Amino acid sequence: MTIPQNVRENMGILPSETEIEFMQDESGRWYIVKAKTAKKRDSRFRTAHQTGKLTMSTDDIMALTRGESWRSS
């Protein structure tokens, strides 16, 4: 689902950083709300550069972005 840019900006929704929830009121109307998160976690994609190496194979990079432990080649 694509949320229009002006709606994202107005609600403070950041791509890959903000979780949303769908809520329904008593009349049956649906709304999008920002999910309340207890602790902000860095995306594995945002932290991959900290463990990535120039000598990594494509398989190693794919494993890293999938959250799997990095294997030495």
PDB file of N, CA and C in Angstrom:
ATOM      1  N   MET A   1       0.844  -1.164   0.000  1.00  0.00           N
ATOM      2  CA  MET A   1       0.000   0.000   0.000  1.00  0.00           C
ATOM      3  C   MET A   1       0.892   1.230   0.000  1.00  0.00           C
ATOM      4  N   THR A   2       0.551   2.190  -0.814  1.00  0.00           N
ATOM      5  CA  THR A   2       1.319   3.420  -0.885  1.00  0.00           C
ATOM      6  C   THR A   2       0.596   4.518  -0.131  1.00  0.00           C
ATOM      7  N   ILE A   3       1.298   5.135   0.805  1.00  0.00           N
ATOM      8  CA  ILE A   3       0.744   6.264   1.542  1.00  0.00           C
ATOM      9  C   ILE A   3       1.275   7.528   0.875  1.00  0.00           C
ATOM     10  N   PRO A   4       0.390   8.422   0.437  1.00  0.00           N
ATOM     11  CA  PRO A   4       0.845   9.637  -0.246  1.00  0.00           C
ATOM     12  C   PRO A   4       1.857  10.422   0.597  1.00  0.00           C
ATOM     13  N   GLN A   5       2.794  11.056  -0.093  1.00  0.00           N
ATOM     14  CA  GLN A   5       3.883  11.759   0.574  1.00  0.00           C
ATOM     15  C   GLN A   5       3.374  12.816   1.547  1.00  0.00           C
ATOM     16  N   ASN A   6       2.367  13.587   1.154  1.00  0.00           N
ATOM     17  CA  ASN A   6       1.886  14.647   2.050  1.00  0.00           C
ATOM     18  C   ASN A   6       1.270  14.061   3.327  1.00  0.00           C
ATOM     19  N   VAL A   7       0.653  12.890   3.236  1.00  0.00           N
ATOM     20  CA  VAL A   7       0.092  12.229   4.420  1.00  0.00           C
ATOM     21  C   VAL A   7       1.225  11.716   5.306  1.00  0.00           C
ATOM     22  N   ARG A   8       2.237  11.077   4.697  1.00  0.00           N
ATOM     23  CA  ARG A   8       3.394  10.584   5.469  1.00  0.00           C
ATOM     24  C   ARG A   8       4.081  11.723   6.213  1.00  0.00           C
ATOM     25  N   GLU A   9       4.307  12.827   5.507  1.00  0.00           N
ATOM     26  CA  GLU A   9       4.981  13.969   6.130  1.00  0.00           C
ATOM     27  C   GLU A   9       4.147  14.541   7.264  1.00  0.00           C
ATOM     28  N   ASN A  10       2.834  14.662   7.062  1.00  0.00           N
ATOM     29  CA  ASN A  10       1.951  15.209   8.071  1.00  0.00           C
ATOM     30  C   ASN A  10       1.893  14.332   9.313  1.00  0.00           C
ATOM     31  N   MET A  11       1.949  13.012   9.117  1.00  0.00           N
ATOM     32  CA  MET A  11       1.864  12.074  10.240  1.00  0.00           C
ATOM     33  C   MET A  11       3.232  11.736  10.828  1.00  0.00           C
ATOM     34  N   GLY A  12       4.309  12.200  10.186  1.00  0.00           N
ATOM     35  CA  GLY A  12       5.654  11.889  10.667  1.00  0.00           C
ATOM     36  C   GLY A  12       6.057  10.454  10.405  1.00  0.00           C
ATOM     37  N   ILE A  13       5.539   9.882   9.325  1.00  0.00           N
ATOM     38  CA  ILE A  13       5.860   8.503   8.967  1.00  0.00           C
ATOM     39  C   ILE A  13       7.108   8.496   8.088  1.00  0.00           C
ATOM     40  N   LEU A  14       8.140   7.787   8.532  1.00  0.00           N
ATOM     41  CA  LEU A  14       9.391   7.701   7.782  1.00  0.00           C
ATOM     42  C   LEU A  14       9.515   6.314   7.172  1.00  0.00           C
ATOM     43  N   PRO A  15       9.886   6.228   5.891  1.00  0.00           N
ATOM     44  CA  PRO A  15      10.041   4.914   5.246  1.00  0.00           C
ATOM     45  C   PRO A  15      11.029   4.035   6.003  1.00  0.00           C
ATOM     46  N   SER A  16      10.680   2.793   6.193  1.00  0.00           N
ATOM     47  CA  SER A  16      11.513   1.778   6.849  1.00  0.00           C
ATOM     48  C   SER A  16      11.797   2.072   8.323  1.00  0.00           C
ATOM     49  N   GLU A  17      11.213   3.115   8.891  1.00  0.00           N
ATOM     50  CA  GLU A  17      11.483   3.447  10.284  1.00  0.00           C
ATOM     51  C   GLU A  17      10.220   3.525  11.123  1.00  0.00           C
ATOM     52  N   THR A  18       9.064   3.641  10.492  1.00  0.00           N
ATOM     53  CA  THR A  18       7.829   3.843  11.229  1.00  0.00           C
ATOM     54  C   THR A  18       6.869   2.696  10.950  1.00  0.00           C
ATOM     55  N   GLU A  19       6.374   2.087  12.016  1.00  0.00           N
ATOM     56  CA  GLU A  19       5.352   1.066  11.850  1.00  0.00           C
ATOM     57  C   GLU A  19       3.991   1.723  11.982  1.00  0.00           C
ATOM     58  N   ILE A  20       3.035   1.215  11.206  1.00  0.00           N
ATOM     59  CA  ILE A  20       1.684   1.747  11.269  1.00  0.00           C
ATOM     60  C   ILE A  20       0.717   0.639  11.633  1.00  0.00           C
ATOM     61  N   GLU A  21      -0.438   1.033  12.128  1.00  0.00           N
ATOM     62  CA  GLU A  21      -1.492   0.087  12.452  1.00  0.00           C
ATOM     63  C   GLU A  21      -2.769   0.556  11.771  1.00  0.00           C
ATOM     64  N   PHE A  22      -3.627  -0.385  11.455  1.00  0.00           N
ATOM     65  CA  PHE A  22      -4.941  -0.070  10.921  1.00  0.00           C
ATOM     66  C   PHE A  22      -5.941  -0.217  12.051  1.00  0.00           C
ATOM     67  N   MET A  23      -6.704   0.825  12.313  1.00  0.00           N
ATOM     68  CA  MET A  23      -7.680   0.817  13.396  1.00  0.00           C
ATOM     69  C   MET A  23      -9.068   1.041  12.799  1.00  0.00           C
ATOM     70  N   GLN A  24     -10.066   0.419  13.411  1.00  0.00           N
ATOM     71  CA  GLN A  24     -11.436   0.570  12.954  1.00  0.00           C
ATOM     72  C   GLN A  24     -12.269   1.152  14.097  1.00  0.00           C
ATOM     73  N   ASP A  25     -13.074   2.193  13.775  1.00  0.00           N
ATOM     74  CA  ASP A  25     -13.915   2.778  14.815  1.00  0.00           C
ATOM     75  C   ASP A  25     -15.255   2.060  14.889  1.00  0.00           C
ATOM     76  N   GLU A  26     -16.079   2.491  15.818  1.00  0.00           N
ATOM     77  CA  GLU A  26     -17.357   1.817  16.044  1.00  0.00           C
ATOM     78  C   GLU A  26     -18.320   1.909  14.863  1.00  0.00           C
ATOM     79  N   SER A  27     -18.105   2.878  13.965  1.00  0.00           N
ATOM     80  CA  SER A  27     -18.977   2.990  12.790  1.00  0.00           C
ATOM     81  C   SER A  27     -18.460   2.175  11.609  1.00  0.00           C
ATOM     82  N   GLY A  28     -17.298   1.514  11.784  1.00  0.00           N
ATOM     83  CA  GLY A  28     -16.750   0.672  10.724  1.00  0.00           C
ATOM     84  C   GLY A  28     -15.717   1.346   9.845  1.00  0.00           C
ATOM     85  N   ARG A  29     -15.402   2.607  10.096  1.00  0.00           N
ATOM     86  CA  ARG A  29     -14.395   3.324   9.298  1.00  0.00           C
ATOM     87  C   ARG A  29     -12.997   2.907   9.732  1.00  0.00           C
ATOM     88  N   TRP A  30     -12.120   2.800   8.749  1.00  0.00           N
ATOM     89  CA  TRP A  30     -10.738   2.404   9.005  1.00  0.00           C
ATOM     90  C   TRP A  30      -9.839   3.626   9.013  1.00  0.00           C
ATOM     91  N   TYR A  31      -8.815   3.590   9.881  1.00  0.00           N
ATOM     92  CA  TYR A  31      -7.847   4.675  10.016  1.00  0.00           C
ATOM     93  C   TYR A  31      -6.445   4.087  10.094  1.00  0.00           C
ATOM     94  N   ILE A  32      -5.484   4.879   9.650  1.00  0.00           N
ATOM     95  CA  ILE A  32      -4.076   4.524   9.793  1.00  0.00           C
ATOM     96  C   ILE A  32      -3.530   5.332  10.956  1.00  0.00           C
ATOM     97  N   VAL A  33      -2.827   4.672  11.883  1.00  0.00           N
ATOM     98  CA  VAL A  33      -2.185   5.369  12.993  1.00  0.00           C
ATOM     99  C   VAL A  33      -0.749   4.856  13.128  1.00  0.00           C
ATOM    100  N   LYS A  34       0.129   5.732  13.605  1.00  0.00           N
ATOM    101  CA  LYS A  34       1.494   5.303  13.885  1.00  0.00           C
ATOM    102  C   LYS A  34       1.460   4.360  15.068  1.00  0.00           C
ATOM    103  N   ALA A  35       2.143   3.240  14.944  1.00  0.00           N
ATOM    104  CA  ALA A  35       2.210   2.272  16.033  1.00  0.00           C
ATOM    105  C   ALA A  35       3.086   2.829  17.137  1.00  0.00           C
ATOM    106  N   LYS A  36       2.697   2.572  18.348  1.00  0.00           N
ATOM    107  CA  LYS A  36       3.518   2.976  19.485  1.00  0.00           C
ATOM    108  C   LYS A  36       4.555   1.883  19.707  1.00  0.00           C
ATOM    109  N   THR A  37       5.806   2.262  19.626  1.00  0.00           N
ATOM    110  CA  THR A  37       6.877   1.298  19.825  1.00  0.00           C
ATOM    111  C   THR A  37       7.615   1.627  21.110  1.00  0.00           C
ATOM    112  N   ALA A  38       7.956   0.601  21.837  1.00  0.00           N
ATOM    113  CA  ALA A  38       8.644   0.789  23.112  1.00  0.00           C
ATOM    114  C   ALA A  38      10.085   1.248  22.896  1.00  0.00           C
ATOM    115  N   LYS A  39      10.743   0.658  21.906  1.00  0.00           N
ATOM    116  CA  LYS A  39      12.153   0.955  21.680  1.00  0.00           C
ATOM    117  C   LYS A  39      12.415   0.981  20.184  1.00  0.00           C
ATOM    118  N   LYS A  40      13.081   2.037  19.738  1.00  0.00           N
ATOM    119  CA  LYS A  40      13.413   2.135  18.322  1.00  0.00           C
ATOM    120  C   LYS A  40      14.608   1.246  18.033  1.00  0.00           C
ATOM    121  N   ARG A  41      14.447   0.384  17.018  1.00  0.00           N
ATOM    122  CA  ARG A  41      15.517  -0.517  16.605  1.00  0.00           C
ATOM    123  C   ARG A  41      16.032  -0.072  15.245  1.00  0.00           C
ATOM    124  N   ASP A  42      17.333  -0.134  15.077  1.00  0.00           N
ATOM    125  CA  ASP A  42      17.897   0.160  13.766  1.00  0.00           C
ATOM    126  C   ASP A  42      17.598  -0.987  12.819  1.00  0.00           C
ATOM    127  N   SER A  43      17.254  -0.649  11.612  1.00  0.00           N
ATOM    128  CA  SER A  43      17.014  -1.639  10.571  1.00  0.00           C
ATOM    129  C   SER A  43      18.311  -2.383  10.292  1.00  0.00           C
ATOM    130  N   ARG A  44      18.206  -3.673   9.965  1.00  0.00           N
ATOM    131  CA  ARG A  44      19.420  -4.439   9.643  1.00  0.00           C
ATOM    132  C   ARG A  44      20.098  -3.877   8.404  1.00  0.00           C
ATOM    133  N   PHE A  45      19.334  -3.181   7.541  1.00  0.00           N
ATOM    134  CA  PHE A  45      19.924  -2.574   6.356  1.00  0.00           C
ATOM    135  C   PHE A  45      20.738  -1.341   6.735  1.00  0.00           C
ATOM    136  N   ARG A  46      20.274  -0.603   7.733  1.00  0.00           N
ATOM    137  CA  ARG A  46      20.996   0.592   8.169  1.00  0.00           C
ATOM    138  C   ARG A  46      22.272   0.241   8.931  1.00  0.00           C
ATOM    139  N   THR A  47      22.324  -0.937   9.537  1.00  0.00           N
ATOM    140  CA  THR A  47      23.515  -1.329  10.289  1.00  0.00           C
ATOM    141  C   THR A  47      24.443  -2.251   9.506  1.00  0.00           C
ATOM    142  N   ALA A  48      24.025  -2.702   8.327  1.00  0.00           N
ATOM    143  CA  ALA A  48      24.840  -3.638   7.543  1.00  0.00           C
ATOM    144  C   ALA A  48      26.191  -3.039   7.178  1.00  0.00           C
ATOM    145  N   HIS A  49      26.244  -1.731   6.964  1.00  0.00           N
ATOM    146  CA  HIS A  49      27.520  -1.108   6.583  1.00  0.00           C
ATOM    147  C   HIS A  49      28.571  -1.242   7.679  1.00  0.00           C
ATOM    148  N   GLN A  50      28.138  -1.456   8.917  1.00  0.00           N
ATOM    149  CA  GLN A  50      29.085  -1.577  10.016  1.00  0.00           C
ATOM    150  C   GLN A  50      29.812  -2.918   9.999  1.00  0.00           C
ATOM    151  N   THR A  51      29.194  -3.950   9.415  1.00  0.00           N
ATOM    152  CA  THR A  51      29.825  -5.268   9.389  1.00  0.00           C
ATOM    153  C   THR A  51      30.197  -5.708   7.984  1.00  0.00           C
ATOM    154  N   GLY A  52      29.765  -4.968   6.981  1.00  0.00           N
ATOM    155  CA  GLY A  52      30.054  -5.325   5.600  1.00  0.00           C
ATOM    156  C   GLY A  52      31.528  -5.150   5.269  1.00  0.00           C
ATOM    157  N   LYS A  53      32.038  -6.013   4.445  1.00  0.00           N
ATOM    158  CA  LYS A  53      33.446  -5.972   4.030  1.00  0.00           C
ATOM    159  C   LYS A  53      33.502  -5.958   2.502  1.00  0.00           C
ATOM    160  N   LEU A  54      34.514  -5.327   1.960  1.00  0.00           N
ATOM    161  CA  LEU A  54      34.675  -5.277   0.508  1.00  0.00           C
ATOM    162  C   LEU A  54      34.906  -6.647  -0.098  1.00  0.00           C
ATOM    163  N   THR A  55      35.393  -7.580   0.689  1.00  0.00           N
ATOM    164  CA  THR A  55      35.711  -8.911   0.170  1.00  0.00           C
ATOM    165  C   THR A  55      34.539  -9.881   0.287  1.00  0.00           C
ATOM    166  N   MET A  56      33.389  -9.404   0.711  1.00  0.00           N
ATOM    167  CA  MET A  56      32.235 -10.288   0.900  1.00  0.00           C
ATOM    168  C   MET A  56      31.666 -10.725  -0.444  1.00  0.00           C
ATOM    169  N   SER A  57      31.208 -11.980  -0.480  1.00  0.00           N
ATOM    170  CA  SER A  57      30.560 -12.489  -1.693  1.00  0.00           C
ATOM    171  C   SER A  57      29.107 -12.012  -1.707  1.00  0.00           C
ATOM    172  N   THR A  58      28.451 -12.177  -2.829  1.00  0.00           N
ATOM    173  CA  THR A  58      27.038 -11.822  -2.931  1.00  0.00           C
ATOM    174  C   THR A  58      26.221 -12.614  -1.921  1.00  0.00           C
ATOM    175  N   ASP A  59      26.527 -13.899  -1.751  1.00  0.00           N
ATOM    176  CA  ASP A  59      25.810 -14.727  -0.770  1.00  0.00           C
ATOM    177  C   ASP A  59      25.995 -14.190   0.645  1.00  0.00           C
ATOM    178  N   ASP A  60      27.207 -13.745   0.978  1.00  0.00           N
ATOM    179  CA  ASP A  60      27.465 -13.188   2.303  1.00  0.00           C
ATOM    180  C   ASP A  60      26.672 -11.902   2.523  1.00  0.00           C
ATOM    181  N   ILE A  61      26.613 -11.056   1.506  1.00  0.00           N
ATOM    182  CA  ILE A  61      25.860  -9.804   1.607  1.00  0.00           C
ATOM    183  C   ILE A  61      24.373 -10.098   1.768  1.00  0.00           C
ATOM    184  N   MET A  62      23.854 -11.062   1.000  1.00  0.00           N
ATOM    185  CA  MET A  62      22.444 -11.426   1.108  1.00  0.00           C
ATOM    186  C   MET A  62      22.139 -11.982   2.497  1.00  0.00           C
ATOM    187  N   ALA A  63      23.034 -12.802   3.042  1.00  0.00           N
ATOM    188  CA  ALA A  63      22.835 -13.348   4.381  1.00  0.00           C
ATOM    189  C   ALA A  63      22.821 -12.225   5.416  1.00  0.00           C
ATOM    190  N   LEU A  64      23.695 -11.245   5.255  1.00  0.00           N
ATOM    191  CA  LEU A  64      23.777 -10.121   6.173  1.00  0.00           C
ATOM    192  C   LEU A  64      22.481  -9.301   6.149  1.00  0.00           C
ATOM    193  N   THR A  65      21.953  -9.024   4.965  1.00  0.00           N
ATOM    194  CA  THR A  65      20.739  -8.228   4.870  1.00  0.00           C
ATOM    195  C   THR A  65      19.512  -8.998   5.323  1.00  0.00           C
ATOM    196  N   ARG A  66      19.589 -10.312   5.362  1.00  0.00           N
ATOM    197  CA  ARG A  66      18.471 -11.129   5.837  1.00  0.00           C
ATOM    198  C   ARG A  66      18.546 -11.374   7.336  1.00  0.00           C
ATOM    199  N   GLY A  67      19.576 -10.838   7.971  1.00  0.00           N
ATOM    200  CA  GLY A  67      19.694 -10.984   9.411  1.00  0.00           C
ATOM    201  C   GLY A  67      20.412 -12.254   9.833  1.00  0.00           C
ATOM    202  N   GLU A  68      20.972 -12.994   8.882  1.00  0.00           N
ATOM    203  CA  GLU A  68      21.695 -14.209   9.203  1.00  0.00           C
ATOM    204  C   GLU A  68      23.124 -13.821   9.584  1.00  0.00           C
ATOM    205  N   SER A  69      23.770 -14.638  10.372  1.00  0.00           N
ATOM    206  CA  SER A  69      25.133 -14.315  10.763  1.00  0.00           C
ATOM    207  C   SER A  69      26.058 -14.391   9.546  1.00  0.00           C
ATOM    208  N   TRP A  70      27.045 -13.512   9.525  1.00  0.00           N
ATOM    209  CA  TRP A  70      27.975 -13.430   8.402  1.00  0.00           C
ATOM    210  C   TRP A  70      28.916 -14.614   8.432  1.00  0.00           C
ATOM    211  N   ARG A  71      29.107 -15.212   7.253  1.00  0.00           N
ATOM    212  CA  ARG A  71      30.002 -16.348   7.117  1.00  0.00           C
ATOM    213  C   ARG A  71      31.307 -15.891   6.498  1.00  0.00           C
ATOM    214  N   SER A  72      32.404 -16.347   7.016  1.00  0.00           N
ATOM    215  CA  SER A  72      33.708 -16.029   6.412  1.00  0.00           C
ATOM    216  C   SER A  72      33.900 -16.873   5.189  1.00  0.00           C
ATOM    217  N   SER A  73      34.434 -16.270   4.123  1.00  0.00           N
ATOM    218  CA  SER A  73      34.682 -17.003   2.872  1.00  0.00           C
ATOM    219  C   SER A  73      36.048 -17.605   2.884  1.00  0.00           C
TER     220      SER A  73
END
